[in-house]
């Protein structure tokens, strides 16, 4: 779960602040010469193109209002806006026992209303999920060795682990279990506990006699980390994570 917010993270080279804009250039391609042209014309600082369809660019600027006005007046720019941050919402429950998971089966525990739940047992009578449906978890990373998650983590079959090569040619080196868009590497371990909680709520191994149950017992979990240790992520990193998930076979993305 995400909520809009603002703040400053430690990774200043990647951080979105009041000094960053995001804009899209007309057409589907943009070259290094194009980037240099926009940088000079609109007096931009560092610029980078996002790894997603269309020529979407993030740039630093010393005067955000003037830069936005300049970009919006440029006929080669389709749209331009402030590059914002998002922040994590309140921490989700981390109950270790299914009997206490009222959202799955509410029997009136904790003063709740019996039946006010998602009726998970009735759903499990129909299906417990499919191993062919990949579920992407875009959050703070996940504890890959957690007993309820270790056997559920997605593996990129086209990638050879730890060889320093982009074996499947998707633009990400050694993305065996996903990608860390904040740190720009393949370390998808937990920055905060939030991502592990979300992964467990969405797809923990179930009917195994330990920990919690989840609505989906069988889907592989693709781990996409976007958040700084302070709990902030940029819209650009989240957008790139969504594109990665779609391009690499995910059918469901947490929201």
Foldseek 3Di string as FASTA:
>chain_A
DWAFDADDFPPVVADFHQFKKKFFFPDFDDDPVNVVVLCVQLVWDDKDAFPFTGGMMMTGHPDNVSSLVSQVPDPRIPHMDGWGKMFDDPFDDFDFEAVPVCQAANPCPPNDDGPNHPPLVVVVVVPQADQLAAEEEEFQFAACPPPQHVVQFAFQPQADAPPQDPRVPPPAHRLGRAAELQVRHNPRHGLDCRSHSVCCQAETAPPPPTTHDHSHRHYHYRGYYAAGSVGMGIPSSVVSRVRVCVVRRHPHYDD
